[in-house]
């Protein structure tokens, strides 16, 4: 007799949790100041990855720096470097709740029928006496696009300041939205700000 077991998995997806949840419609800004920045010092912008999009973002950093009154120079003492990251969400939970399992017999002659195991009681997955509903899969970290920037002193390699902006990946493919993540970083150079909501437009 042939039998088939159909397993249905329910996906319960929370909108967004963690740092960026409250700001799902915009950008989350964090900046940290470690040391005072030298005043009236020129700045140069460097990138670790010269992908086309990063080159465009580099130009936006330079434009925003000029608007904030900074002078740009390729051999400046202060180096502003940045990188972009597009990360996939992380998931937890799920998995089949097997009340009946079938496995091959230890006798590999092929003459014995497969073994059928009925789960009567199971603390983890549940059994006949204590059925446990599969909670499904829950998103514990949302997909997101992030820009990390830092300023270092060329003379001693000391990191003086760093900042980052995060936006949920939903809609973050829009280049204009990604570019809008640069301004709040530059506007808060030298400051310390935690989990500040910034509109993406």
Protein backbone atom coordinates (compact mmCIF):
# COMPACT_ATOMS: atom_id res chain seq x y z
CA UNK A 1 0.00 0.00 0.00
CA UNK A 2 1.30 3.34 -0.95
CA UNK A 3 0.75 6.32 1.29
CA UNK A 4 1.67 9.96 0.87
CA UNK A 5 2.12 12.55 3.58
CA UNK A 6 1.25 16.14 2.64
CA UNK A 7 2.86 18.82 4.78
CA UNK A 8 1.51 22.36 4.69
CA UNK A 9 3.73 25.14 6.04
CA UNK A 10 2.23 28.44 7.13
CA UNK A 11 4.49 31.47 6.78
CA UNK A 12 3.97 34.17 9.42
CA UNK A 13 6.04 37.14 8.36
CA UNK A 14 6.41 40.06 10.72
CA UNK A 15 6.60 43.37 8.82
CA UNK A 16 10.00 44.43 10.08
CA UNK A 17 11.62 44.01 13.49
CA UNK A 18 14.86 45.24 15.01
CA UNK A 19 16.41 48.65 14.62
CA UNK A 20 14.70 49.55 11.37
CA UNK A 21 11.19 48.35 12.22
CA UNK A 22 9.82 51.64 13.50
CA UNK A 23 11.14 53.42 10.44
CA UNK A 24 9.97 51.04 7.73
CA UNK A 25 8.81 54.00 5.63
CA UNK A 26 12.15 55.81 5.81
CA UNK A 27 15.78 55.65 6.82
CA UNK A 28 17.37 54.81 10.14
CA UNK A 29 20.44 56.90 11.00
CA UNK A 30 23.21 56.11 13.49
CA UNK A 31 26.43 58.09 13.91
CA UNK A 32 29.18 57.86 16.52
CA UNK A 33 31.88 60.42 17.28
CA UNK A 34 35.09 59.03 18.79
CA UNK A 35 37.33 62.10 18.65
CA UNK A 36 36.93 65.75 17.72
CA UNK A 37 37.47 66.38 14.04
CA UNK A 38 40.22 68.86 13.10
CA UNK A 39 38.64 72.12 12.01
CA UNK A 40 38.92 73.51 8.49
CA UNK A 41 40.60 70.35 7.23
CA UNK A 42 40.04 69.21 3.63
CA UNK A 43 38.40 65.84 3.05
CA UNK A 44 38.85 63.15 0.41
CA UNK A 45 36.30 60.43 -0.37
CA UNK A 46 37.46 56.86 -0.99
CA UNK A 47 35.57 53.70 -1.87
CA UNK A 48 36.52 50.05 -1.36
CA UNK A 49 34.43 48.79 -4.27
CA UNK A 50 34.33 50.80 -7.49
CA UNK A 51 31.10 49.25 -8.73
CA UNK A 52 29.04 51.61 -10.87
CA UNK A 53 26.49 52.30 -8.13
CA UNK A 54 29.22 53.05 -5.59
CA UNK A 55 30.83 55.53 -7.96
CA UNK A 56 27.49 57.34 -8.19
CA UNK A 57 27.14 57.31 -4.38
CA UNK A 58 30.72 58.61 -4.06
CA UNK A 59 29.80 61.61 -6.17
CA UNK A 60 26.78 62.22 -3.93
CA UNK A 61 29.04 62.17 -0.87
CA UNK A 62 31.32 64.73 -2.52
CA UNK A 63 28.39 66.96 -3.48
CA UNK A 64 26.92 66.80 0.04
CA UNK A 65 30.31 67.55 1.60
CA UNK A 66 30.66 70.66 -0.55
CA UNK A 67 27.15 71.76 0.45
CA UNK A 68 28.15 71.38 4.10
CA UNK A 69 31.16 73.67 3.50
CA UNK A 70 33.92 71.06 3.29
CA UNK A 71 36.86 71.43 0.91
CA UNK A 72 37.70 68.34 -1.14
CA UNK A 73 41.30 67.40 -1.87
CA UNK A 74 42.73 64.04 -3.08
CA UNK A 75 45.61 64.19 -0.57
CA UNK A 76 43.55 65.51 2.36
CA UNK A 77 44.39 64.56 5.91
CA UNK A 78 40.81 63.40 6.57
CA UNK A 79 39.64 60.36 4.61
CA UNK A 80 35.94 59.61 4.36
CA UNK A 81 35.48 56.05 3.15
CA UNK A 82 32.25 54.15 2.70
CA UNK A 83 30.85 50.80 1.67
CA UNK A 84 27.39 49.55 0.79
CA UNK A 85 25.76 46.31 1.86
CA UNK A 86 22.58 44.64 0.65
CA UNK A 87 21.75 41.84 3.09
CA UNK A 88 19.05 39.20 2.98
CA UNK A 89 16.72 38.63 5.90
CA UNK A 90 17.25 35.92 8.49
CA UNK A 91 14.59 33.40 9.35
CA UNK A 92 13.84 31.17 12.30
CA UNK A 93 11.46 28.34 13.16
CA UNK A 94 9.45 26.09 10.92
CA UNK A 95 10.08 22.49 10.01
CA UNK A 96 7.73 19.56 9.59
CA UNK A 97 5.77 18.18 12.54
CA UNK A 98 6.05 14.48 11.83
CA UNK A 99 3.56 12.26 13.65
CA UNK A 100 4.40 9.32 11.41
CA UNK A 101 7.85 8.59 10.01
CA UNK A 102 8.91 5.85 7.63
CA UNK A 103 12.44 4.57 7.28
CA UNK A 104 14.15 1.63 5.65
CA UNK A 105 14.66 -1.54 7.62
CA UNK A 106 18.16 -2.34 8.87
CA UNK A 107 17.93 -5.48 6.76
CA UNK A 108 19.06 -4.29 3.34
CA UNK A 109 18.04 -7.42 1.45
CA UNK A 110 14.96 -5.64 0.20
CA UNK A 111 12.63 -8.34 1.49
CA UNK A 112 11.54 -6.59 4.71
CA UNK A 113 8.96 -3.82 4.63
CA UNK A 114 9.99 -0.28 5.75
CA UNK A 115 9.66 0.51 9.43
CA UNK A 116 6.80 2.81 10.42
CA UNK A 117 7.28 4.89 13.57
CA UNK A 118 4.37 6.66 15.22
CA UNK A 119 5.27 9.58 17.49
CA UNK A 120 3.12 9.14 20.61
CA UNK A 121 4.66 11.94 22.68
CA UNK A 122 7.40 14.36 21.68
CA UNK A 123 8.36 17.46 23.68
CA UNK A 124 9.88 19.24 20.71
CA UNK A 125 7.69 18.45 17.74
CA UNK A 126 4.62 17.06 19.45
CA UNK A 127 2.98 13.69 19.02
CA UNK A 128 -0.39 11.94 19.01
CA UNK A 129 -0.96 12.72 22.70
CA UNK A 130 0.44 16.25 22.60
CA UNK A 131 -0.11 17.68 19.14
CA UNK A 132 2.02 20.73 18.47
CA UNK A 133 1.13 23.09 15.69
CA UNK A 134 3.99 24.12 13.45
CA UNK A 135 4.55 27.84 14.22
CA UNK A 136 5.78 28.35 10.70
CA UNK A 137 8.72 30.50 9.77
CA UNK A 138 9.24 33.89 11.37
CA UNK A 139 11.48 36.61 10.01
CA UNK A 140 13.85 37.62 12.79
CA UNK A 141 15.91 40.13 10.80
CA UNK A 142 14.64 42.06 7.78
CA UNK A 143 16.35 42.39 4.44
CA UNK A 144 18.04 45.77 4.28
CA UNK A 145 20.31 48.07 2.33
CA UNK A 146 22.99 49.85 4.35
CA UNK A 147 25.63 52.52 3.80
CA UNK A 148 28.54 52.58 6.26
CA UNK A 149 30.86 55.59 6.31
CA UNK A 150 33.82 56.52 8.48
CA UNK A 151 36.38 59.31 8.76
CA UNK A 152 39.99 58.51 9.56
CA UNK A 153 43.06 60.65 10.11
CA UNK A 154 45.61 59.88 7.39
CA UNK A 155 48.52 60.84 9.63
CA UNK A 156 47.92 58.21 12.31
CA UNK A 157 45.18 55.92 10.97
CA UNK A 158 42.87 56.80 13.86
CA UNK A 159 39.14 56.52 13.24
CA UNK A 160 37.54 59.76 14.33
CA UNK A 161 33.91 59.19 13.43
CA UNK A 162 31.60 56.74 11.76
CA UNK A 163 28.00 56.66 10.66
CA UNK A 164 25.54 54.45 8.84
CA UNK A 165 22.07 54.58 7.35
CA UNK A 166 19.76 51.60 6.89
CA UNK A 167 16.60 51.14 4.89
CA UNK A 168 14.48 48.01 4.41
CA UNK A 169 15.17 46.41 1.03
CA UNK A 170 11.54 46.80 0.00
CA UNK A 171 11.72 49.70 -2.41
CA UNK A 172 15.42 50.24 -1.76
CA UNK A 173 16.26 49.23 -5.33
CA UNK A 174 15.30 52.78 -6.27
CA UNK A 175 18.63 54.55 -6.85
CA UNK A 176 17.20 57.89 -5.73
CA UNK A 177 16.29 56.38 -2.35
CA UNK A 178 19.80 54.99 -1.92
CA UNK A 179 21.31 58.35 -2.80
CA UNK A 180 19.04 60.05 -0.26
CA UNK A 181 20.73 57.94 2.43
CA UNK A 182 23.94 59.95 2.00
CA UNK A 183 22.77 63.40 3.11
CA UNK A 184 21.87 62.50 6.73
CA UNK A 185 25.29 60.88 7.15
CA UNK A 186 27.17 63.95 5.94
CA UNK A 187 24.89 66.34 7.84
CA UNK A 188 25.78 64.59 11.09
CA UNK A 189 29.56 64.31 10.71
CA UNK A 190 31.20 64.83 14.09
CA UNK A 191 28.01 64.07 16.01
CA UNK A 192 26.57 61.08 17.86
CA UNK A 193 23.02 60.11 17.01
CA UNK A 194 21.23 56.83 17.73
CA UNK A 195 18.31 55.32 15.83
CA UNK A 196 17.03 58.54 14.32
CA UNK A 197 14.24 58.32 11.74
CA UNK A 198 14.97 60.16 8.49
CA UNK A 199 12.57 60.44 5.56
CA UNK A 200 13.85 58.90 2.35
CA UNK A 201 12.60 61.72 0.11
